[in-house]
Amino acid sequence: MISKDMQLLELMQRYPKAKKYLESQNMNCGSCMGAVDETIAMAAKQHGMDLNLLLKELNQLVGDNEDNGD
């Protein structure tokens, strides 16, 4: 399950579809050096996105519909 504390680099390596999704949301995390240290929560805040919605959409994208436990 994708969580708010997952680092962006881990997300994109584990779920390649996530990179394309992030790009569709104008989050070019795949080409940003911050992806090494930045969590999904940090990226959502930086880009002014709703964290819970982002997590829901990412988990749906990768086929994990469990509650994200926030």
N, C-alpha and C. Protein backbone atom coordinates (compact mmCIF):
# COMPACT_ATOMS: atom_id res chain seq x y z
N MET A 1 0.84 -1.18 0.00
CA MET A 1 0.00 0.00 0.00
C MET A 1 0.88 1.25 0.00
N ILE A 2 0.47 2.22 -0.76
CA ILE A 2 1.18 3.50 -0.82
C ILE A 2 0.73 4.35 0.36
N SER A 3 1.71 4.88 1.09
CA SER A 3 1.39 5.71 2.26
C SER A 3 2.04 7.08 2.11
N LYS A 4 1.62 7.99 2.95
CA LYS A 4 2.12 9.36 2.91
C LYS A 4 3.61 9.45 3.22
N ASP A 5 4.16 8.46 3.91
CA ASP A 5 5.56 8.48 4.30
C ASP A 5 6.49 7.81 3.29
N MET A 6 5.94 7.26 2.21
CA MET A 6 6.75 6.61 1.19
C MET A 6 7.53 7.68 0.42
N GLN A 7 8.80 7.41 0.19
CA GLN A 7 9.60 8.34 -0.59
C GLN A 7 9.20 8.25 -2.06
N LEU A 8 9.26 9.38 -2.74
CA LEU A 8 8.86 9.43 -4.14
C LEU A 8 9.68 8.48 -5.01
N LEU A 9 10.97 8.39 -4.76
CA LEU A 9 11.81 7.50 -5.56
C LEU A 9 11.36 6.06 -5.41
N GLU A 10 11.07 5.64 -4.20
CA GLU A 10 10.56 4.29 -3.95
C GLU A 10 9.23 4.07 -4.67
N LEU A 11 8.35 5.06 -4.59
CA LEU A 11 7.06 4.98 -5.26
C LEU A 11 7.24 4.73 -6.75
N MET A 12 8.08 5.53 -7.39
CA MET A 12 8.25 5.43 -8.84
C MET A 12 8.98 4.16 -9.25
N GLN A 13 9.88 3.67 -8.41
CA GLN A 13 10.58 2.42 -8.72
C GLN A 13 9.65 1.22 -8.55
N ARG A 14 8.87 1.22 -7.50
CA ARG A 14 7.99 0.10 -7.21
C ARG A 14 6.76 0.08 -8.14
N TYR A 15 6.28 1.27 -8.48
CA TYR A 15 5.07 1.40 -9.30
C TYR A 15 5.33 2.34 -10.47
N PRO A 16 5.87 1.85 -11.57
CA PRO A 16 6.19 2.72 -12.71
C PRO A 16 5.00 3.54 -13.22
N LYS A 17 3.78 3.02 -13.08
CA LYS A 17 2.59 3.77 -13.51
C LYS A 17 2.44 5.06 -12.70
N ALA A 18 2.95 5.07 -11.50
CA ALA A 18 2.81 6.24 -10.63
C ALA A 18 3.55 7.45 -11.21
N LYS A 19 4.69 7.21 -11.86
CA LYS A 19 5.45 8.32 -12.44
C LYS A 19 4.62 9.04 -13.49
N LYS A 20 3.97 8.28 -14.37
CA LYS A 20 3.13 8.89 -15.41
C LYS A 20 1.95 9.64 -14.78
N TYR A 21 1.39 9.07 -13.73
CA TYR A 21 0.28 9.74 -13.05
C TYR A 21 0.76 11.07 -12.46
N LEU A 22 1.88 11.06 -11.77
CA LEU A 22 2.41 12.29 -11.17
C LEU A 22 2.66 13.34 -12.24
N GLU A 23 3.22 12.92 -13.37
CA GLU A 23 3.46 13.86 -14.47
C GLU A 23 2.14 14.45 -14.97
N SER A 24 1.09 13.64 -15.01
CA SER A 24 -0.21 14.14 -15.47
C SER A 24 -0.79 15.18 -14.51
N GLN A 25 -0.28 15.20 -13.29
CA GLN A 25 -0.71 16.17 -12.28
C GLN A 25 0.29 17.33 -12.15
N ASN A 26 1.14 17.47 -13.17
CA ASN A 26 2.19 18.52 -13.19
C ASN A 26 3.19 18.37 -12.06
N MET A 27 3.43 17.15 -11.65
CA MET A 27 4.45 16.84 -10.65
C MET A 27 5.55 16.06 -11.38
N ASN A 28 6.60 16.74 -11.77
CA ASN A 28 7.67 16.11 -12.53
C ASN A 28 8.71 15.49 -11.60
N CYS A 29 8.24 14.64 -10.72
CA CYS A 29 9.08 14.05 -9.69
C CYS A 29 10.18 13.15 -10.27
N GLY A 30 9.92 12.58 -11.43
CA GLY A 30 10.90 11.69 -12.04
C GLY A 30 12.17 12.39 -12.46
N SER A 31 12.10 13.69 -12.67
CA SER A 31 13.29 14.44 -13.09
C SER A 31 13.78 15.39 -12.00
N CYS A 32 13.27 15.22 -10.79
CA CYS A 32 13.63 16.10 -9.68
C CYS A 32 14.54 15.37 -8.69
N MET A 33 15.63 16.01 -8.31
CA MET A 33 16.54 15.40 -7.34
C MET A 33 15.89 15.26 -5.96
N GLY A 34 14.86 16.03 -5.69
CA GLY A 34 14.16 15.95 -4.41
C GLY A 34 13.46 14.62 -4.21
N ALA A 35 13.22 13.89 -5.29
CA ALA A 35 12.50 12.61 -5.20
C ALA A 35 13.25 11.60 -4.33
N VAL A 36 14.55 11.79 -4.19
CA VAL A 36 15.35 10.86 -3.37
C VAL A 36 14.99 11.00 -1.90
N ASP A 37 14.77 12.21 -1.44
CA ASP A 37 14.53 12.47 -0.02
C ASP A 37 13.08 12.81 0.32
N GLU A 38 12.31 13.22 -0.68
CA GLU A 38 10.97 13.74 -0.43
C GLU A 38 9.93 12.62 -0.34
N THR A 39 9.04 12.76 0.64
CA THR A 39 7.94 11.81 0.77
C THR A 39 6.75 12.28 -0.06
N ILE A 40 5.78 11.40 -0.20
CA ILE A 40 4.56 11.77 -0.91
C ILE A 40 3.88 12.93 -0.20
N ALA A 41 3.85 12.91 1.12
CA ALA A 41 3.23 14.00 1.88
C ALA A 41 3.92 15.33 1.61
N MET A 42 5.23 15.32 1.58
CA MET A 42 5.99 16.54 1.32
C MET A 42 5.72 17.07 -0.09
N ALA A 43 5.66 16.16 -1.06
CA ALA A 43 5.41 16.56 -2.45
C ALA A 43 4.01 17.13 -2.61
N ALA A 44 3.04 16.50 -1.96
CA ALA A 44 1.66 16.99 -2.04
C ALA A 44 1.59 18.41 -1.49
N LYS A 45 2.23 18.64 -0.37
CA LYS A 45 2.23 19.98 0.23
C LYS A 45 2.92 20.99 -0.68
N GLN A 46 4.06 20.59 -1.22
CA GLN A 46 4.84 21.46 -2.10
C GLN A 46 4.05 21.87 -3.34
N HIS A 47 3.24 20.94 -3.84
CA HIS A 47 2.48 21.19 -5.07
C HIS A 47 1.04 21.62 -4.81
N GLY A 48 0.69 21.84 -3.54
CA GLY A 48 -0.65 22.31 -3.19
C GLY A 48 -1.74 21.30 -3.48
N MET A 49 -1.43 20.03 -3.32
CA MET A 49 -2.40 18.98 -3.61
C MET A 49 -3.01 18.43 -2.32
N ASP A 50 -4.21 17.91 -2.43
CA ASP A 50 -4.87 17.25 -1.31
C ASP A 50 -4.22 15.88 -1.11
N LEU A 51 -3.57 15.69 0.02
CA LEU A 51 -2.82 14.46 0.28
C LEU A 51 -3.71 13.23 0.25
N ASN A 52 -4.86 13.30 0.90
CA ASN A 52 -5.74 12.12 0.95
C ASN A 52 -6.23 11.73 -0.43
N LEU A 53 -6.56 12.72 -1.25
CA LEU A 53 -6.99 12.43 -2.61
C LEU A 53 -5.85 11.84 -3.43
N LEU A 54 -4.66 12.39 -3.29
CA LEU A 54 -3.50 11.86 -4.01
C LEU A 54 -3.24 10.40 -3.64
N LEU A 55 -3.28 10.09 -2.34
CA LEU A 55 -3.05 8.72 -1.89
C LEU A 55 -4.14 7.79 -2.42
N LYS A 56 -5.38 8.24 -2.38
CA LYS A 56 -6.48 7.42 -2.88
C LYS A 56 -6.28 7.11 -4.36
N GLU A 57 -5.95 8.12 -5.14
CA GLU A 57 -5.77 7.92 -6.58
C GLU A 57 -4.56 7.04 -6.89
N LEU A 58 -3.47 7.23 -6.17
CA LEU A 58 -2.29 6.39 -6.39
C LEU A 58 -2.58 4.94 -6.04
N ASN A 59 -3.25 4.71 -4.92
CA ASN A 59 -3.56 3.34 -4.52
C ASN A 59 -4.54 2.69 -5.50
N GLN A 60 -5.48 3.44 -6.03
CA GLN A 60 -6.39 2.91 -7.04
C GLN A 60 -5.61 2.57 -8.31
N LEU A 61 -4.68 3.43 -8.67
CA LEU A 61 -3.88 3.22 -9.87
C LEU A 61 -3.10 1.91 -9.82
N VAL A 62 -2.56 1.61 -8.66
CA VAL A 62 -1.74 0.40 -8.54
C VAL A 62 -2.55 -0.80 -8.05
N GLY A 63 -3.86 -0.60 -7.88
CA GLY A 63 -4.73 -1.72 -7.53
C GLY A 63 -4.78 -2.05 -6.06
N ASP A 64 -4.41 -1.10 -5.20
CA ASP A 64 -4.49 -1.32 -3.75
C ASP A 64 -5.52 -0.35 -3.19
N ASN A 65 -6.72 -0.84 -2.94
CA ASN A 65 -7.82 0.01 -2.52
C ASN A 65 -8.02 0.04 -1.01
N GLU A 66 -7.03 -0.40 -0.24
CA GLU A 66 -7.15 -0.37 1.21
C GLU A 66 -7.18 1.06 1.70
N ASP A 67 -7.72 1.26 2.90
CA ASP A 67 -7.71 2.57 3.54
C ASP A 67 -6.27 2.95 3.80
N ASN A 68 -5.92 4.25 3.60
CA ASN A 68 -4.54 4.67 3.74
C ASN A 68 -4.12 4.96 5.16
N GLY A 69 -5.00 4.80 6.14
CA GLY A 69 -4.62 4.85 7.54
C GLY A 69 -4.25 6.20 8.08
N ASP A 70 -4.67 7.28 7.45
CA ASP A 70 -4.35 8.60 7.99
C ASP A 70 -5.20 8.83 9.18
